[in-house]
Amino acid sequence: GGFSPLQSSALSTVAAWLDATPMSVALA
């Protein structure tokens, strides 16, 4: 938890690179 929209965008970018969900990436 606790992600701002800008942080969520960065997290979503990495998730897209990995073909994963943002929450999976946050746990990784």
PDB file of all heavy atoms in Angstrom:
ATOM      1  N   GLY A   1       0.790  -1.229   0.000  1.00  0.00           N
ATOM      2  CA  GLY A   1       0.000   0.000   0.000  1.00  0.00           C
ATOM      3  C   GLY A   1       0.814   1.265   0.000  1.00  0.00           C
ATOM      4  O   GLY A   1       2.034   1.255   0.087  1.00  0.00           O
ATOM      5  N   GLY A   2       0.088   2.382  -0.137  1.00  0.00           N
ATOM      6  CA  GLY A   2       0.679   3.691   0.007  1.00  0.00           C
ATOM      7  C   GLY A   2       1.255   4.318  -1.238  1.00  0.00           C
ATOM      8  O   GLY A   2       2.066   5.231  -1.154  1.00  0.00           O
ATOM      9  N   PHE A   3       0.867   3.857  -2.407  1.00  0.00           N
ATOM     10  CA  PHE A   3       1.447   4.386  -3.638  1.00  0.00           C
ATOM     11  C   PHE A   3       0.696   5.618  -4.124  1.00  0.00           C
ATOM     12  O   PHE A   3      -0.524   5.620  -4.192  1.00  0.00           O
ATOM     13  CB  PHE A   3       1.426   3.326  -4.748  1.00  0.00           C
ATOM     14  CG  PHE A   3       2.273   2.127  -4.433  1.00  0.00           C
ATOM     15  CD1 PHE A   3       1.699   0.976  -3.927  1.00  0.00           C
ATOM     16  CD2 PHE A   3       3.635   2.161  -4.616  1.00  0.00           C
ATOM     17  CE1 PHE A   3       2.465  -0.130  -3.617  1.00  0.00           C
ATOM     18  CE2 PHE A   3       4.421   1.065  -4.297  1.00  0.00           C
ATOM     19  CZ  PHE A   3       3.837  -0.081  -3.805  1.00  0.00           C
ATOM     20  N   SER A   4       1.448   6.652  -4.489  1.00  0.00           N
ATOM     21  CA  SER A   4       0.852   7.828  -5.124  1.00  0.00           C
ATOM     22  C   SER A   4       0.647   7.504  -6.606  1.00  0.00           C
ATOM     23  O   SER A   4       1.230   6.536  -7.119  1.00  0.00           O
ATOM     24  CB  SER A   4       1.784   9.032  -4.988  1.00  0.00           C
ATOM     25  OG  SER A   4       2.916   8.867  -5.823  1.00  0.00           O
ATOM     26  N   PRO A   5      -0.142   8.289  -7.330  1.00  0.00           N
ATOM     27  CA  PRO A   5      -0.322   8.019  -8.767  1.00  0.00           C
ATOM     28  C   PRO A   5       1.001   7.978  -9.540  1.00  0.00           C
ATOM     29  O   PRO A   5       1.193   7.120 -10.392  1.00  0.00           O
ATOM     30  CB  PRO A   5      -1.219   9.169  -9.234  1.00  0.00           C
ATOM     31  CG  PRO A   5      -2.004   9.530  -8.019  1.00  0.00           C
ATOM     32  CD  PRO A   5      -1.038   9.351  -6.868  1.00  0.00           C
ATOM     33  N   LEU A   6       1.939   8.882  -9.232  1.00  0.00           N
ATOM     34  CA  LEU A   6       3.221   8.892  -9.921  1.00  0.00           C
ATOM     35  C   LEU A   6       4.005   7.609  -9.633  1.00  0.00           C
ATOM     36  O   LEU A   6       4.582   6.995 -10.527  1.00  0.00           O
ATOM     37  CB  LEU A   6       4.037  10.123  -9.513  1.00  0.00           C
ATOM     38  CG  LEU A   6       5.391  10.277 -10.178  1.00  0.00           C
ATOM     39  CD1 LEU A   6       5.235  10.392 -11.697  1.00  0.00           C
ATOM     40  CD2 LEU A   6       6.120  11.499  -9.643  1.00  0.00           C
ATOM     41  N   GLN A   7       4.013   7.189  -8.365  1.00  0.00           N
ATOM     42  CA  GLN A   7       4.708   5.958  -7.996  1.00  0.00           C
ATOM     43  C   GLN A   7       4.035   4.751  -8.632  1.00  0.00           C
ATOM     44  O   GLN A   7       4.707   3.831  -9.097  1.00  0.00           O
ATOM     45  CB  GLN A   7       4.753   5.816  -6.474  1.00  0.00           C
ATOM     46  CG  GLN A   7       5.614   6.870  -5.813  1.00  0.00           C
ATOM     47  CD  GLN A   7       5.382   6.936  -4.311  1.00  0.00           C
ATOM     48  OE1 GLN A   7       4.304   6.616  -3.820  1.00  0.00           O
ATOM     49  NE2 GLN A   7       6.400   7.373  -3.589  1.00  0.00           N
ATOM     50  N   SER A   8       2.726   4.775  -8.674  1.00  0.00           N
ATOM     51  CA  SER A   8       1.994   3.668  -9.307  1.00  0.00           C
ATOM     52  C   SER A   8       2.344   3.578 -10.780  1.00  0.00           C
ATOM     53  O   SER A   8       2.427   2.490 -11.338  1.00  0.00           O
ATOM     54  CB  SER A   8       0.483   3.853  -9.134  1.00  0.00           C
ATOM     55  OG  SER A   8       0.125   3.701  -7.789  1.00  0.00           O
ATOM     56  N   SER A   9       2.565   4.711 -11.409  1.00  0.00           N
ATOM     57  CA  SER A   9       2.944   4.727 -12.818  1.00  0.00           C
ATOM     58  C   SER A   9       4.300   4.052 -13.015  1.00  0.00           C
ATOM     59  O   SER A   9       4.474   3.239 -13.930  1.00  0.00           O
ATOM     60  CB  SER A   9       2.984   6.167 -13.332  1.00  0.00           C
ATOM     61  OG  SER A   9       3.447   6.200 -14.657  1.00  0.00           O
ATOM     62  N   ALA A  10       5.263   4.359 -12.171  1.00  0.00           N
ATOM     63  CA  ALA A  10       6.581   3.727 -12.264  1.00  0.00           C
ATOM     64  C   ALA A  10       6.473   2.224 -12.007  1.00  0.00           C
ATOM     65  O   ALA A  10       7.094   1.415 -12.708  1.00  0.00           O
ATOM     66  CB  ALA A  10       7.548   4.372 -11.275  1.00  0.00           C
ATOM     67  N   LEU A  11       5.680   1.852 -11.038  1.00  0.00           N
ATOM     68  CA  LEU A  11       5.478   0.442 -10.731  1.00  0.00           C
ATOM     69  C   LEU A  11       4.798  -0.273 -11.892  1.00  0.00           C
ATOM     70  O   LEU A  11       5.197  -1.372 -12.281  1.00  0.00           O
ATOM     71  CB  LEU A  11       4.646   0.305  -9.449  1.00  0.00           C
ATOM     72  CG  LEU A  11       4.364  -1.096  -8.937  1.00  0.00           C
ATOM     73  CD1 LEU A  11       5.650  -1.875  -8.687  1.00  0.00           C
ATOM     74  CD2 LEU A  11       3.533  -1.018  -7.661  1.00  0.00           C
ATOM     75  N   SER A  12       3.817   0.368 -12.491  1.00  0.00           N
ATOM     76  CA  SER A  12       3.116  -0.218 -13.645  1.00  0.00           C
ATOM     77  C   SER A  12       4.045  -0.381 -14.834  1.00  0.00           C
ATOM     78  O   SER A  12       3.927  -1.352 -15.596  1.00  0.00           O
ATOM     79  CB  SER A  12       1.914   0.636 -14.030  1.00  0.00           C
ATOM     80  OG  SER A  12       0.954   0.596 -12.994  1.00  0.00           O
ATOM     81  N   THR A  13       4.986   0.550 -15.003  1.00  0.00           N
ATOM     82  CA  THR A  13       5.954   0.457 -16.096  1.00  0.00           C
ATOM     83  C   THR A  13       6.797  -0.805 -15.952  1.00  0.00           C
ATOM     84  O   THR A  13       6.965  -1.565 -16.902  1.00  0.00           O
ATOM     85  CB  THR A  13       6.857   1.712 -16.123  1.00  0.00           C
ATOM     86  OG1 THR A  13       6.041   2.848 -16.396  1.00  0.00           O
ATOM     87  CG2 THR A  13       7.944   1.590 -17.172  1.00  0.00           C
ATOM     88  N   VAL A  14       7.330  -1.028 -14.761  1.00  0.00           N
ATOM     89  CA  VAL A  14       8.146  -2.226 -14.528  1.00  0.00           C
ATOM     90  C   VAL A  14       7.292  -3.476 -14.673  1.00  0.00           C
ATOM     91  O   VAL A  14       7.728  -4.471 -15.256  1.00  0.00           O
ATOM     92  CB  VAL A  14       8.837  -2.172 -13.147  1.00  0.00           C
ATOM     93  CG1 VAL A  14       9.561  -3.480 -12.859  1.00  0.00           C
ATOM     94  CG2 VAL A  14       9.808  -0.994 -13.086  1.00  0.00           C
ATOM     95  N   ALA A  15       6.065  -3.434 -14.179  1.00  0.00           N
ATOM     96  CA  ALA A  15       5.167  -4.595 -14.312  1.00  0.00           C
ATOM     97  C   ALA A  15       4.943  -4.930 -15.778  1.00  0.00           C
ATOM     98  O   ALA A  15       4.952  -6.106 -16.162  1.00  0.00           O
ATOM     99  CB  ALA A  15       3.841  -4.321 -13.600  1.00  0.00           C
ATOM    100  N   ALA A  16       4.773  -3.909 -16.610  1.00  0.00           N
ATOM    101  CA  ALA A  16       4.580  -4.142 -18.047  1.00  0.00           C
ATOM    102  C   ALA A  16       5.832  -4.768 -18.656  1.00  0.00           C
ATOM    103  O   ALA A  16       5.735  -5.684 -19.497  1.00  0.00           O
ATOM    104  CB  ALA A  16       4.226  -2.837 -18.759  1.00  0.00           C
ATOM    105  N   TRP A  17       7.009  -4.294 -18.259  1.00  0.00           N
ATOM    106  CA  TRP A  17       8.260  -4.876 -18.765  1.00  0.00           C
ATOM    107  C   TRP A  17       8.345  -6.358 -18.438  1.00  0.00           C
ATOM    108  O   TRP A  17       8.870  -7.154 -19.212  1.00  0.00           O
ATOM    109  CB  TRP A  17       9.484  -4.196 -18.147  1.00  0.00           C
ATOM    110  CG  TRP A  17       9.720  -2.768 -18.517  1.00  0.00           C
ATOM    111  CD1 TRP A  17       9.192  -2.076 -19.580  1.00  0.00           C
ATOM    112  CD2 TRP A  17      10.552  -1.846 -17.819  1.00  0.00           C
ATOM    113  NE1 TRP A  17       9.642  -0.785 -19.572  1.00  0.00           N
ATOM    114  CE2 TRP A  17      10.490  -0.610 -18.501  1.00  0.00           C
ATOM    115  CE3 TRP A  17      11.348  -1.930 -16.674  1.00  0.00           C
ATOM    116  CZ2 TRP A  17      11.197   0.514 -18.091  1.00  0.00           C
ATOM    117  CZ3 TRP A  17      12.045  -0.808 -16.260  1.00  0.00           C
ATOM    118  CH2 TRP A  17      11.970   0.403 -16.966  1.00  0.00           C
ATOM    119  N   LEU A  18       7.830  -6.733 -17.262  1.00  0.00           N
ATOM    120  CA  LEU A  18       7.940  -8.114 -16.778  1.00  0.00           C
ATOM    121  C   LEU A  18       6.713  -8.966 -17.089  1.00  0.00           C
ATOM    122  O   LEU A  18       6.679 -10.142 -16.733  1.00  0.00           O
ATOM    123  CB  LEU A  18       8.180  -8.109 -15.263  1.00  0.00           C
ATOM    124  CG  LEU A  18       9.475  -7.456 -14.794  1.00  0.00           C
ATOM    125  CD1 LEU A  18       9.496  -7.347 -13.269  1.00  0.00           C
ATOM    126  CD2 LEU A  18      10.674  -8.250 -15.291  1.00  0.00           C
ATOM    127  N   ASP A  19       5.723  -8.359 -17.730  1.00  0.00           N
ATOM    128  CA  ASP A  19       4.458  -9.043 -17.991  1.00  0.00           C
ATOM    129  C   ASP A  19       3.891  -9.614 -16.685  1.00  0.00           C
ATOM    130  O   ASP A  19       3.558 -10.792 -16.579  1.00  0.00           O
ATOM    131  CB  ASP A  19       4.626 -10.146 -19.047  1.00  0.00           C
ATOM    132  CG  ASP A  19       3.285 -10.679 -19.546  1.00  0.00           C
ATOM    133  OD1 ASP A  19       2.294  -9.913 -19.534  1.00  0.00           O
ATOM    134  OD2 ASP A  19       3.233 -11.865 -19.928  1.00  0.00           O
ATOM    135  N   ALA A  20       3.832  -8.737 -15.686  1.00  0.00           N
ATOM    136  CA  ALA A  20       3.366  -9.114 -14.351  1.00  0.00           C
ATOM    137  C   ALA A  20       2.420  -8.026 -13.848  1.00  0.00           C
ATOM    138  O   ALA A  20       2.271  -6.981 -14.476  1.00  0.00           O
ATOM    139  CB  ALA A  20       4.564  -9.245 -13.410  1.00  0.00           C
ATOM    140  N   THR A  21       1.803  -8.273 -12.723  1.00  0.00           N
ATOM    141  CA  THR A  21       0.951  -7.243 -12.121  1.00  0.00           C
ATOM    142  C   THR A  21       1.810  -6.331 -11.246  1.00  0.00           C
ATOM    143  O   THR A  21       2.864  -6.753 -10.737  1.00  0.00           O
ATOM    144  CB  THR A  21      -0.159  -7.866 -11.254  1.00  0.00           C
ATOM    145  OG1 THR A  21       0.451  -8.492 -10.121  1.00  0.00           O
ATOM    146  CG2 THR A  21      -0.996  -8.867 -12.049  1.00  0.00           C
ATOM    147  N   PRO A  22       1.373  -5.095 -11.039  1.00  0.00           N
ATOM    148  CA  PRO A  22       2.135  -4.196 -10.158  1.00  0.00           C
ATOM    149  C   PRO A  22       2.331  -4.761  -8.754  1.00  0.00           C
ATOM    150  O   PRO A  22       3.406  -4.620  -8.173  1.00  0.00           O
ATOM    151  CB  PRO A  22       1.280  -2.923 -10.136  1.00  0.00           C
ATOM    152  CG  PRO A  22       0.575  -2.934 -11.460  1.00  0.00           C
ATOM    153  CD  PRO A  22       0.267  -4.392 -11.712  1.00  0.00           C
ATOM    154  N   MET A  23       1.325  -5.408  -8.205  1.00  0.00           N
ATOM    155  CA  MET A  23       1.460  -5.935  -6.850  1.00  0.00           C
ATOM    156  C   MET A  23       2.472  -7.081  -6.799  1.00  0.00           C
ATOM    157  O   MET A  23       3.224  -7.205  -5.828  1.00  0.00           O
ATOM    158  CB  MET A  23       0.108  -6.363  -6.294  1.00  0.00           C
ATOM    159  CG  MET A  23      -0.870  -5.196  -6.116  1.00  0.00           C
ATOM    160  SD  MET A  23      -0.271  -3.824  -5.079  1.00  0.00           S
ATOM    161  CE  MET A  23       0.170  -2.569  -6.286  1.00  0.00           C
ATOM    162  N   SER A  24       2.530  -7.904  -7.847  1.00  0.00           N
ATOM    163  CA  SER A  24       3.545  -8.958  -7.899  1.00  0.00           C
ATOM    164  C   SER A  24       4.938  -8.352  -7.898  1.00  0.00           C
ATOM    165  O   SER A  24       5.855  -8.844  -7.230  1.00  0.00           O
ATOM    166  CB  SER A  24       3.365  -9.819  -9.148  1.00  0.00           C
ATOM    167  OG  SER A  24       2.158 -10.534  -9.111  1.00  0.00           O
ATOM    168  N   VAL A  25       5.106  -7.270  -8.647  1.00  0.00           N
ATOM    169  CA  VAL A  25       6.403  -6.598  -8.716  1.00  0.00           C
ATOM    170  C   VAL A  25       6.752  -5.983  -7.358  1.00  0.00           C
ATOM    171  O   VAL A  25       7.902  -6.062  -6.904  1.00  0.00           O
ATOM    172  CB  VAL A  25       6.414  -5.535  -9.838  1.00  0.00           C
ATOM    173  CG1 VAL A  25       7.697  -4.709  -9.793  1.00  0.00           C
ATOM    174  CG2 VAL A  25       6.252  -6.200 -11.200  1.00  0.00           C
ATOM    175  N   ALA A  26       5.777  -5.372  -6.698  1.00  0.00           N
ATOM    176  CA  ALA A  26       6.031  -4.774  -5.381  1.00  0.00           C
ATOM    177  C   ALA A  26       6.482  -5.841  -4.379  1.00  0.00           C
ATOM    178  O   ALA A  26       7.411  -5.614  -3.589  1.00  0.00           O
ATOM    179  CB  ALA A  26       4.786  -4.054  -4.875  1.00  0.00           C
ATOM    180  N   LEU A  27       5.874  -7.009  -4.423  1.00  0.00           N
ATOM    181  CA  LEU A  27       6.286  -8.100  -3.534  1.00  0.00           C
ATOM    182  C   LEU A  27       7.666  -8.630  -3.924  1.00  0.00           C
ATOM    183  O   LEU A  27       8.491  -8.927  -3.052  1.00  0.00           O
ATOM    184  CB  LEU A  27       5.251  -9.222  -3.552  1.00  0.00           C
ATOM    185  CG  LEU A  27       3.907  -8.877  -2.908  1.00  0.00           C
ATOM    186  CD1 LEU A  27       2.913 -10.015  -3.113  1.00  0.00           C
ATOM    187  CD2 LEU A  27       4.055  -8.549  -1.433  1.00  0.00           C
ATOM    188  N   ALA A  28       7.927  -8.737  -5.225  1.00  0.00           N
ATOM    189  CA  ALA A  28       9.243  -9.189  -5.691  1.00  0.00           C
ATOM    190  C   ALA A  28      10.328  -8.231  -5.202  1.00  0.00           C
ATOM    191  O   ALA A  28      11.407  -8.661  -4.783  1.00  0.00           O
ATOM    192  CB  ALA A  28       9.257  -9.291  -7.213  1.00  0.00           C
TER     193      ALA A  28
END
